Protein backbone atom coordinates (compact mmCIF):
# COMPACT_ATOMS: atom_id res chain seq x y z
CA MET A 1 -12.81 13.21 19.72
CA ILE A 2 -14.13 15.94 17.42
CA VAL A 3 -12.55 18.65 19.60
CA GLU A 4 -9.23 16.80 19.39
CA ALA A 5 -9.50 16.66 15.60
CA LEU A 6 -10.26 20.40 15.38
CA LYS A 7 -7.22 21.19 17.52
CA LYS A 8 -5.05 19.15 15.13
CA ILE A 9 -6.50 20.98 12.13
CA ALA A 10 -5.78 24.36 13.74
CA THR A 11 -2.20 23.31 14.47
CA LEU A 12 -1.77 22.07 10.90
CA CYS A 13 -3.16 25.30 9.42
CA ALA A 14 -0.64 27.31 11.43
CA PHE A 15 2.12 25.00 10.20
CA CYS A 16 1.02 25.29 6.55
CA SER A 17 0.87 29.08 6.83
CA ALA A 18 4.44 29.15 8.11
CA ILE A 19 5.84 27.07 5.25
CA GLN A 20 4.02 28.53 2.24
CA SER A 21 7.27 30.06 1.02
CA VAL A 22 9.17 26.77 1.34
CA THR A 23 7.85 23.32 0.26
CA ALA A 24 5.54 20.36 1.03
CA LEU A 25 4.67 17.09 -0.86
CA ASP A 26 2.25 14.74 -3.10
CA ALA A 27 2.02 11.30 -4.88
CA PRO A 28 0.26 7.94 -4.65
CA ALA A 29 0.10 6.05 -1.35
CA PRO A 30 2.64 3.23 -0.99
CA LEU A 31 2.05 -0.49 -1.01
CA ASP A 32 0.85 -1.46 2.48
CA ALA A 33 -0.45 2.08 2.71
CA VAL A 34 -1.44 3.21 6.17
CA SER A 35 -4.80 4.61 5.06
CA VAL A 36 -6.88 1.69 6.26
CA PRO A 37 -10.44 2.69 5.19
CA ALA A 38 -11.32 1.34 1.74
CA GLN A 39 -10.64 3.51 -1.29
CA SER A 40 -11.85 3.40 -4.88
CA ALA A 41 -10.57 0.41 -6.84
CA VAL A 42 -10.63 2.33 -10.10
CA ALA A 43 -7.28 3.64 -11.26
CA GLY A 44 -7.34 7.19 -12.47
CA SER A 45 -10.61 7.97 -10.70
CA ALA A 46 -9.24 11.07 -9.02
CA SER A 47 -11.49 13.75 -7.68
CA SER A 48 -13.12 15.93 -10.31
CA LEU A 49 -12.55 19.03 -8.20
CA ALA A 50 -10.74 21.79 -10.07
CA PRO A 51 -7.27 22.31 -8.53
CA ALA A 52 -6.84 25.91 -9.63
CA SER A 53 -7.70 28.84 -7.39
CA SER A 54 -7.03 32.53 -7.98
CA TRP A 55 -5.61 33.31 -4.53
CA LYS A 56 -2.79 30.76 -4.79
CA PRO A 57 0.56 31.37 -6.46
CA ALA A 58 1.32 29.05 -9.39
CA TRP A 59 3.74 26.93 -7.36
CA PHE A 60 1.13 26.25 -4.64
CA THR A 61 -0.59 23.45 -6.55
CA ASP A 62 -2.82 21.78 -4.00
CA ALA A 63 -4.62 22.77 -0.80
CA GLY A 64 -7.49 20.75 0.53
CA LEU A 65 -9.23 19.02 3.38
CA THR A 66 -11.20 15.76 3.55
CA VAL A 67 -13.30 14.76 6.54
CA LYS A 68 -14.67 11.22 6.57
CA GLU A 69 -17.03 9.43 8.94
CA SER A 70 -17.15 5.64 8.65
CA TYR A 71 -18.34 2.55 10.49
CA ASP A 72 -16.46 -0.77 10.55
CA ASP A 73 -18.33 -3.78 11.97
CA ASN A 74 -15.23 -5.99 12.45
CA VAL A 75 -12.14 -3.82 12.96
CA PHE A 76 -9.75 -6.70 13.72
CA MET A 77 -11.12 -8.94 10.93
CA SER A 78 -11.61 -11.87 13.28
CA GLY A 79 -14.08 -14.70 12.81
CA VAL A 80 -13.13 -16.69 15.89
CA SER A 81 -15.98 -17.51 18.28
CA GLN A 82 -15.54 -17.14 22.05
CA GLY A 83 -15.63 -20.90 22.52
CA SER A 84 -12.53 -21.37 20.35
CA VAL A 85 -10.15 -19.17 22.38
CA PRO A 86 -8.29 -20.06 25.61
CA VAL A 87 -10.17 -19.70 28.87
CA GLY A 88 -9.79 -16.24 30.35
CA THR A 89 -9.24 -14.47 27.03
CA THR A 90 -11.63 -12.53 24.84
CA THR A 91 -12.00 -12.95 21.11
CA LEU A 92 -11.60 -9.96 18.80
CA LYS A 93 -14.55 -11.00 16.65
CA ASP A 94 -17.05 -8.30 15.66
CA GLN A 95 -15.40 -5.49 17.63
CA SER A 96 -16.86 -2.48 15.82
CA SER A 97 -16.34 1.27 15.83
CA TYR A 98 -17.29 4.55 14.26
CA ILE A 99 -14.20 6.16 12.72
CA THR A 100 -13.39 9.81 12.07
CA THR A 101 -10.64 10.54 9.53
CA VAL A 102 -9.38 14.07 8.96
CA SER A 103 -7.04 14.45 5.95
CA PRO A 104 -5.63 17.89 5.12
CA LYS A 105 -3.29 18.30 2.17
CA ALA A 106 -0.80 20.87 0.93
CA GLY A 107 1.13 20.45 -2.33
CA PHE A 108 3.80 22.50 -4.09
CA ASN A 109 5.55 22.30 -7.47
CA VAL A 110 8.55 24.62 -7.57
CA ALA A 111 9.90 23.54 -10.97
CA SER A 112 8.39 26.59 -12.70
CA SER A 113 10.09 28.90 -10.19
CA LEU A 114 13.56 27.74 -11.19
CA ASP A 115 15.76 28.95 -14.04
CA ALA A 116 13.81 28.93 -17.34
CA GLY A 117 16.67 27.01 -18.95
CA SER A 118 16.35 24.13 -16.49
CA ASN A 119 15.46 20.66 -17.82
CA LEU A 120 13.41 20.06 -14.69
CA GLU A 121 9.73 19.49 -15.56
CA LEU A 122 8.43 18.61 -12.10
CA LEU A 123 9.67 19.15 -8.56
CA ALA A 124 6.61 18.52 -6.43
CA PHE A 125 6.25 18.13 -2.69
CA THR A 126 3.16 17.20 -0.72
CA TYR A 127 2.30 16.84 2.94
CA ALA A 128 -0.80 14.63 3.17
CA PRO A 129 -1.47 13.36 6.69
CA ASP A 130 -4.37 11.31 8.02
CA PHE A 131 -5.63 11.82 11.58
CA VAL A 132 -7.72 8.75 12.40
CA MET A 133 -9.86 8.23 15.52
CA TYR A 134 -11.64 4.96 16.41
CA HIS A 135 -14.34 6.10 18.82
CA SER A 136 -14.98 2.70 20.43
CA LEU A 137 -11.41 1.36 20.13
CA PRO A 138 -8.92 4.11 21.04
CA SER A 139 -6.06 1.58 20.87
CA GLU A 140 -6.45 1.77 17.07
CA ASN A 141 -6.14 5.57 16.78
CA TYR A 142 -3.24 6.74 14.63
CA ASP A 143 -1.81 9.81 12.90
CA ALA A 144 -0.10 9.05 9.59
CA HIS A 145 2.26 11.82 8.48
CA ARG A 146 2.89 11.33 4.76
CA LEU A 147 5.61 13.23 2.88
CA ILE A 148 5.80 12.73 -0.88
CA LEU A 149 8.39 13.82 -3.43
CA ALA A 150 7.97 13.66 -7.22
CA VAL A 151 10.73 14.73 -9.61
CA LYS A 152 10.69 14.54 -13.40
CA GLY A 153 12.97 15.99 -16.03
CA LYS A 154 14.31 15.61 -19.56
CA ASP A 155 17.41 16.78 -21.39
CA GLY A 156 17.48 15.69 -25.02
CA GLU A 157 17.46 11.90 -25.20
CA PHE A 158 18.00 11.57 -21.45
CA SER A 159 15.10 11.62 -18.95
CA TYR A 160 14.74 10.87 -15.27
CA LYS A 161 12.04 10.37 -12.66
CA VAL A 162 11.98 10.07 -8.87
CA ASP A 163 8.99 9.03 -6.74
CA SER A 164 9.40 8.83 -2.98
CA THR A 165 6.85 8.43 -0.18
CA VAL A 166 7.88 8.51 3.48
CA VAL A 167 5.24 7.79 6.12
CA TYR A 168 5.59 8.06 9.88
CA VAL A 169 2.69 6.52 11.78
CA ASP A 170 2.27 7.93 15.28
CA ALA A 171 0.26 5.19 16.97
CA SER A 172 0.24 2.54 19.65
CA ARG A 173 3.45 0.58 20.20
CA VAL A 174 1.47 -2.38 21.53
CA ALA A 175 0.35 -4.86 18.86
CA PRO A 176 -3.03 -6.63 18.91
CA ALA A 177 -3.37 -10.14 20.33
CA TYR A 178 -5.39 -12.83 18.54
CA PRO A 179 -6.03 -15.43 21.30
CA GLY A 180 -4.72 -18.86 20.45
CA ASN A 181 -2.96 -17.48 17.37
CA LEU A 182 -6.25 -17.97 15.50
CA PHE A 183 -6.47 -15.48 12.66
CA ASN A 184 -6.40 -14.95 8.91
CA ALA A 185 -3.08 -13.55 7.67
CA TRP A 186 -4.82 -10.58 6.04
CA ALA A 187 -6.37 -9.63 9.38
CA THR A 188 -3.03 -9.18 11.09
CA ILE A 189 -1.52 -7.52 7.99
CA ASN A 190 -4.34 -4.97 8.14
CA ALA A 191 -3.88 -4.39 11.88
CA PHE A 192 -0.14 -3.68 11.66
CA GLN A 193 -0.82 -0.58 9.58
CA ARG A 194 -2.31 1.04 12.68
CA ARG A 195 0.90 0.65 14.74
CA GLU A 196 3.87 2.99 15.17
CA GLN A 197 6.28 2.68 12.26
CA LEU A 198 8.38 4.49 9.67
CA ASN A 199 7.96 3.45 6.03
CA ASP A 200 9.82 4.49 2.90
CA ARG A 201 8.94 3.54 -0.66
CA SER A 202 11.13 5.17 -3.30
CA ALA A 203 11.93 4.58 -6.95
CA LEU A 204 14.50 6.14 -9.28
CA THR A 205 14.19 5.65 -13.04
CA LEU A 206 16.58 6.89 -15.74
CA GLN A 207 16.07 6.48 -19.48
CA TYR A 208 18.19 7.09 -22.57
CA ASP A 209 16.40 6.96 -25.95
CA MET A 210 18.13 5.87 -29.18
CA ASP A 211 15.74 5.95 -32.12
CA ARG A 212 13.78 2.69 -31.67
CA TRP A 213 15.91 1.45 -28.76
CA PHE A 214 16.10 2.68 -25.18
CA ILE A 215 17.91 1.70 -21.99
CA ARG A 216 16.26 2.26 -18.62
CA PRO A 217 18.29 1.70 -15.42
CA GLY A 218 16.61 2.14 -12.06
CA ALA A 219 16.39 1.23 -8.39
CA THR A 220 13.61 0.77 -5.83
CA VAL A 221 13.46 0.68 -2.04
CA ALA A 222 10.64 -0.58 0.20
CA TYR A 223 11.35 -0.26 3.93
CA TYR A 224 8.93 -1.01 6.79
CA GLY A 225 10.45 -0.01 10.12
CA MET A 226 8.17 -1.32 12.86
CA MET A 227 8.34 0.25 16.33
CA THR A 228 5.93 -2.01 18.21
CA GLU A 229 6.95 -3.86 21.36
CA ILE A 230 8.46 -7.30 20.79
CA LYS A 231 7.25 -9.85 23.36
CA ASP A 232 8.54 -13.38 23.90
CA PRO A 233 5.56 -15.71 23.37
CA GLY A 234 7.12 -18.12 25.88
CA LEU A 235 6.60 -15.72 28.79
CA SER A 236 3.49 -15.97 30.94
CA THR A 237 3.10 -12.17 30.79
CA THR A 238 2.74 -12.18 26.97
CA PRO A 239 -0.90 -12.21 25.86
CA SER A 240 -2.01 -15.26 23.91
CA GLY A 241 -1.60 -14.66 20.19
CA TYR A 242 0.35 -11.39 20.56
CA GLN A 243 1.50 -10.20 17.14
CA ASN A 244 5.24 -9.50 16.95
CA TYR A 245 5.68 -7.21 13.94
CA CYS A 246 9.21 -7.18 12.52
CA THR A 247 11.13 -4.61 10.51
CA ARG A 248 11.68 -5.70 6.90
CA TYR A 249 12.86 -4.31 3.58
CA ASP A 250 13.24 -4.99 -0.12
CA VAL A 251 15.80 -3.13 -2.24
CA ASN A 252 16.80 -3.81 -5.82
CA GLY A 253 18.46 -2.28 -8.85
CA GLY A 254 18.95 -3.13 -12.50
CA ALA A 255 18.07 -2.06 -16.02
CA ASP A 256 15.72 -2.73 -18.94
CA ILE A 257 16.57 -2.66 -22.61
CA GLY A 258 13.59 -1.78 -24.76
CA TYR A 259 12.71 -1.84 -28.43
CA MET A 260 9.86 0.22 -29.95
CA PHE A 261 8.34 -2.18 -32.47
CA SER A 262 5.65 0.42 -33.24
CA ARG A 263 5.12 4.08 -32.43
CA ASP A 264 3.08 3.26 -29.33
CA MET A 265 4.33 -0.18 -28.22
CA ALA A 266 7.62 -1.47 -26.84
CA ALA A 267 9.06 -4.80 -25.74
CA THR A 268 11.55 -4.93 -22.86
CA ALA A 269 14.09 -7.32 -21.42
CA GLY A 270 15.48 -6.62 -17.98
CA TYR A 271 17.58 -7.78 -15.04
CA ARG A 272 17.24 -7.04 -11.31
CA TYR A 273 19.54 -7.81 -8.43
CA GLY A 274 17.99 -7.34 -5.02
CA SER A 275 17.94 -8.18 -1.34
CA GLN A 276 15.16 -8.76 1.17
CA GLY A 277 15.76 -8.46 4.90
CA GLN A 278 13.74 -9.50 7.92
CA GLU A 279 14.32 -8.77 11.60
CA GLN A 280 15.14 -11.86 13.68
CA TYR A 281 13.67 -12.07 17.17
CA SER A 282 15.99 -12.75 20.12
CA PHE A 283 13.75 -15.59 21.31
CA ALA A 284 13.51 -17.42 17.94
CA PRO A 285 16.29 -18.73 15.66
CA TYR A 286 14.26 -18.37 12.46
CA SER A 287 14.32 -15.61 9.82
CA SER A 288 14.44 -15.63 6.03
CA PRO A 289 16.61 -12.87 4.51
CA SER A 290 17.64 -13.52 0.93
CA ASP A 291 19.32 -12.14 -2.16
CA TYR A 292 17.62 -12.56 -5.52
CA GLN A 293 18.11 -12.13 -9.24
CA ARG A 294 15.28 -11.65 -11.73
CA LEU A 295 15.19 -11.99 -15.49
CA LEU A 296 12.23 -10.06 -16.84
CA LEU A 297 10.41 -9.75 -20.15
CA GLY A 298 7.65 -7.22 -20.75
CA VAL A 299 5.49 -5.22 -23.10
CA GLU A 300 4.21 -1.67 -22.56
CA GLY A 301 2.31 1.01 -24.41
CA ASN A 302 -0.95 1.44 -26.30
CA PRO A 303 -1.87 -1.42 -28.67
CA PHE A 304 -5.10 0.52 -29.29
CA LYS A 305 -5.97 4.16 -28.58
CA TRP A 306 -8.40 3.06 -25.88
CA LEU A 307 -6.09 0.54 -24.18
CA ASN A 308 -2.91 1.08 -22.15
CA VAL A 309 -0.89 -2.01 -21.22
CA GLY A 310 2.07 -2.67 -18.95
CA VAL A 311 3.07 -6.29 -18.34
CA VAL A 312 6.35 -7.66 -16.97
CA GLY A 313 7.39 -11.01 -15.52
CA GLY A 314 10.00 -13.71 -15.32
CA PRO A 315 11.91 -16.16 -13.10
CA ASP A 316 13.15 -15.18 -9.65
CA PHE A 317 16.34 -16.94 -8.46
CA ARG A 318 16.74 -16.95 -4.66
CA ALA A 319 19.67 -17.42 -2.30
CA TYR A 320 18.55 -17.73 1.33
CA GLU A 321 20.88 -17.47 4.33
CA GLY A 322 21.97 -20.88 5.61
CA ASP A 323 21.99 -22.20 9.16
CA SER A 324 24.50 -20.89 11.68
CA SER A 325 24.98 -20.84 15.45
CA GLY A 326 22.39 -18.09 15.84
CA HIS A 327 20.15 -18.67 12.83
CA ILE A 328 18.05 -21.47 11.32
CA SER A 329 16.53 -21.17 7.88
CA PRO A 330 12.79 -21.99 7.72
CA LEU A 331 13.25 -23.42 4.19
CA ASN A 332 14.53 -26.82 3.08
CA ASN A 333 15.66 -25.43 -0.29
CA LEU A 334 17.97 -22.42 0.10
CA HIS A 335 18.09 -21.76 -3.67
CA PRO A 336 14.52 -22.01 -4.94
CA VAL A 337 13.39 -20.66 -8.30
CA THR A 338 10.08 -18.86 -8.14
CA HIS A 339 8.64 -16.08 -10.32
CA TYR A 340 7.77 -12.40 -10.36
CA GLY A 341 4.87 -10.89 -12.30
CA GLU A 342 3.15 -7.53 -12.55
CA ALA A 343 0.55 -6.07 -14.91
CA VAL A 344 -1.62 -2.97 -15.27
CA LEU A 345 -4.25 -2.71 -18.02
CA THR A 346 -6.44 0.38 -18.44
CA ALA A 347 -9.28 0.44 -20.96
CA THR A 348 -11.01 3.74 -21.70
CA MET A 349 -14.00 2.15 -23.35
CA THR A 350 -15.91 5.42 -23.81
CA PRO A 351 -15.36 8.99 -22.56
CA GLU A 352 -17.58 8.01 -19.61
CA ASP A 353 -16.38 4.44 -18.90
CA MET A 354 -13.02 3.18 -17.65
CA LEU A 355 -12.04 -0.39 -16.77
CA THR A 356 -8.78 -1.32 -15.01
CA PHE A 357 -7.07 -4.57 -14.10
CA LYS A 358 -4.02 -4.85 -11.84
CA PHE A 359 -2.03 -7.95 -10.97
CA LYS A 360 1.11 -8.65 -8.94
CA GLN A 361 2.87 -11.76 -7.63
CA PHE A 362 6.17 -11.93 -5.77
CA GLN A 363 7.90 -13.58 -2.83
CA PHE A 364 8.49 -11.42 0.25
CA VAL A 365 9.33 -11.73 3.96
CA SER A 366 6.48 -11.93 6.46
CA CYS A 367 5.56 -8.98 8.68
CA LEU A 368 5.42 -11.47 11.59
CA GLY A 369 8.98 -12.67 11.05
CA GLU A 370 10.48 -16.13 10.63
CA LYS A 371 9.47 -17.16 7.12
CA PRO A 372 8.77 -15.88 3.59
CA TYR A 373 5.45 -15.99 1.79
CA PHE A 374 4.16 -15.68 -1.77
CA ASP A 375 2.04 -12.54 -2.18
CA SER A 376 -0.59 -12.42 -4.95
CA SER A 377 -3.08 -9.66 -5.71
CA TYR A 378 -5.69 -9.23 -8.44
CA ALA A 379 -7.81 -6.09 -8.74
CA LEU A 380 -10.59 -5.20 -11.17
CA GLY A 381 -12.15 -1.73 -11.19
CA TYR A 382 -14.84 0.01 -13.17
CA GLY A 383 -15.55 3.74 -13.23
CA ARG A 384 -18.60 5.34 -14.82
CA LYS A 385 -19.09 9.08 -15.29
CA ILE A 386 -22.84 9.30 -14.95
CA THR A 387 -23.04 13.09 -15.25
CA ASP A 388 -20.55 15.94 -15.09
CA ARG A 389 -21.08 15.95 -11.32
CA LEU A 390 -21.69 12.26 -10.48
CA ARG A 391 -19.34 9.28 -10.83
CA LEU A 392 -19.80 5.61 -9.90
CA ASP A 393 -16.87 3.36 -8.89
CA LEU A 394 -17.07 -0.43 -8.53
CA GLY A 395 -14.21 -2.70 -7.53
CA ALA A 396 -13.26 -6.29 -6.71
CA ARG A 397 -9.97 -7.59 -5.36
CA LEU A 398 -8.51 -10.98 -4.50
CA LEU A 399 -5.50 -11.19 -2.17
CA GLU A 400 -3.58 -14.35 -1.32
CA ALA A 401 -0.85 -14.87 1.28
CA ASP A 402 0.69 -18.32 0.75
CA TYR A 403 3.08 -19.31 3.55
CA THR A 404 3.49 -22.93 2.47
CA VAL A 405 6.90 -22.25 0.89
CA GLY A 406 8.60 -22.85 4.27
CA ASN A 407 9.05 -25.93 6.47
CA LEU A 408 7.61 -24.59 9.75
CA SER A 409 4.41 -26.58 10.12
CA ALA A 410 3.20 -24.36 12.97
CA CYS A 411 3.24 -21.37 10.60
CA ALA A 412 1.81 -23.14 7.55
CA ARG A 413 -1.15 -21.27 6.05
CA ASP A 414 -2.62 -20.12 2.77
CA ASP A 415 -5.08 -17.29 3.35
CA LEU A 416 -7.38 -15.44 0.96
CA GLU A 417 -9.19 -12.12 1.19
CA TYR A 418 -12.00 -11.12 -1.19
CA ILE A 419 -12.83 -7.40 -1.24
CA PHE A 420 -15.85 -5.86 -2.97
CA SER A 421 -16.41 -2.11 -3.05
CA ALA A 422 -18.81 0.47 -4.45
CA GLY A 423 -18.71 4.23 -4.28
CA LEU A 424 -20.42 7.38 -5.50
CA HIS A 425 -18.61 10.69 -5.97
CA PHE A 426 -20.67 13.87 -6.30
CA ALA A 427 -19.16 17.31 -7.03
CA PHE A 428 -21.38 20.05 -5.64
CA THR A 429 -19.06 22.75 -7.01
CA ALA A 430 -15.59 22.93 -8.52
CA HIS A 431 -14.15 23.00 -4.99
CA PHE A 432 -16.50 20.90 -2.87
CA ALA A 433 -17.52 17.24 -3.24
CA ALA A 434 -18.80 14.23 -1.33
CA ASP A 435 -18.08 10.51 -1.48
CA PHE A 436 -20.25 7.66 -0.26
CA ALA A 437 -18.55 4.25 -0.17
CA TYR A 438 -19.23 0.68 0.91
CA SER A 439 -16.83 -2.24 1.08
CA ALA A 440 -17.04 -5.85 2.20
CA ALA A 441 -13.99 -7.99 3.01
CA LEU A 442 -14.26 -11.78 3.26
CA GLY A 443 -11.31 -13.73 4.66
CA ARG A 444 -11.10 -17.43 3.83
CA ASN A 445 -8.74 -20.34 4.44
CA ALA A 446 -7.33 -21.93 1.26
CA GLN A 447 -5.15 -24.62 2.82
CA ASP A 448 -6.20 -28.28 2.84
CA TYR A 449 -6.44 -30.48 5.92
CA ILE A 450 -6.77 -27.66 8.48
CA VAL A 451 -8.71 -28.57 11.62
CA ASN A 452 -11.34 -25.95 12.46
CA SER A 453 -10.42 -23.96 9.36
CA GLN A 454 -13.30 -21.57 10.11
CA ASN A 455 -10.98 -19.93 12.65
CA ARG A 456 -9.18 -18.38 9.67
CA ASP A 457 -12.39 -17.02 8.15
CA PHE A 458 -13.89 -13.59 8.76
CA ASN A 459 -16.45 -11.16 7.36
CA SER A 460 -16.01 -7.40 7.64
CA GLN A 461 -18.01 -4.46 6.29
CA GLU A 462 -17.32 -0.75 6.20
CA VAL A 463 -19.52 2.16 5.11
CA SER A 464 -18.31 5.76 4.87
CA LEU A 465 -19.32 9.30 3.94
CA ALA A 466 -16.61 11.83 3.15
CA PHE A 467 -16.65 15.53 2.30
CA GLN A 468 -13.79 17.08 0.31
CA ALA A 469 -12.85 20.71 -0.06
CA ARG A 470 -10.11 21.90 -2.40
CA PHE A 471 -9.00 25.50 -2.42
């Protein structure tokens, strides 16, 4: 495994050398990011390594390598005992593995190389792959090739911003099988990230400022193109509990109108029109594509010097596709009114202490097809700079996948996942650092009147040690 990783690094180095005069890419990982091992829950807790290096030209902004060794004691996040699964099948519970992750990175910002009169402030590209090897479970190995584009510019009162992350996951096309269809939703959501797929998450934002008022049109795209094999569960050759992962997307556009009621705070009112799509299987008549409209109110800015706030929310009006000769809606109400909410709060309590809270709720289409679900996430993170070289990160998250919005009783579930994490970051020098991290994930059933509800519960722990070099 290590030899294979070294060969990949050598190939990558040759590739990077060949493209130094062209471009590559960088930005945050997307929602449903393919980097499965736990990361710091503290926003803004980036590595303290100095990015500058004398041998690099100014436009070559980032060059680095991270090697991580970790151990996961329940890779498939299953809590199902052997006695609960069909005869002749094997439960996935407590299947463990040591994991090697090799993550090189090359980033470029060519904005400064363009005409000095250009209004372009940022034109950054990054190539940031992950090569991941599960030593005891080779079926879970994957290579995630991540290309990231970030563009930012301003011309007088007009400004614009583009963020785009495209990820191709080179991995197994065969999905995992949870015998008897006994699993927690977050277990199978985690497992799909280690399957072959092509993802795109992009956002375009424009803004025109007018004294205290501003208008901000924009559009976002989230596309998850799954390439795993689709297997009819009615066939005797299909493993019990095989997970059919569907292609799905969410695209929307609209605008906000904002008013600066103080120098550092603004109120916004916005509208979004969007569409969510979900692949329909040939062997099942159910799927839940929809169009939606959202009316949003929000506040953003700095009410205090130490606090940054961004909150937006409002009603979500749905229009689901009705029944036809080849399609049956899994919802009784084709025009439900739900809600959308999102918030990020960052408190810099002292120069050494940072506290963050993130929240999001929205209705989306399931990665297993057929029906929609209500997705909720809450994350609290704390970062403490102990010394100039040592930093502590603590985090807690609560995730909920509520599938009770549909009328398919066989698919009814409301699953929770609690995640607790702790990490230490130590910078040996300006260009070399180490991270030690621990995380525990607890899956729990939240739906009433479920027989043997423990089959939806799991416990999983992961510990890791990573070394980072930035040149």
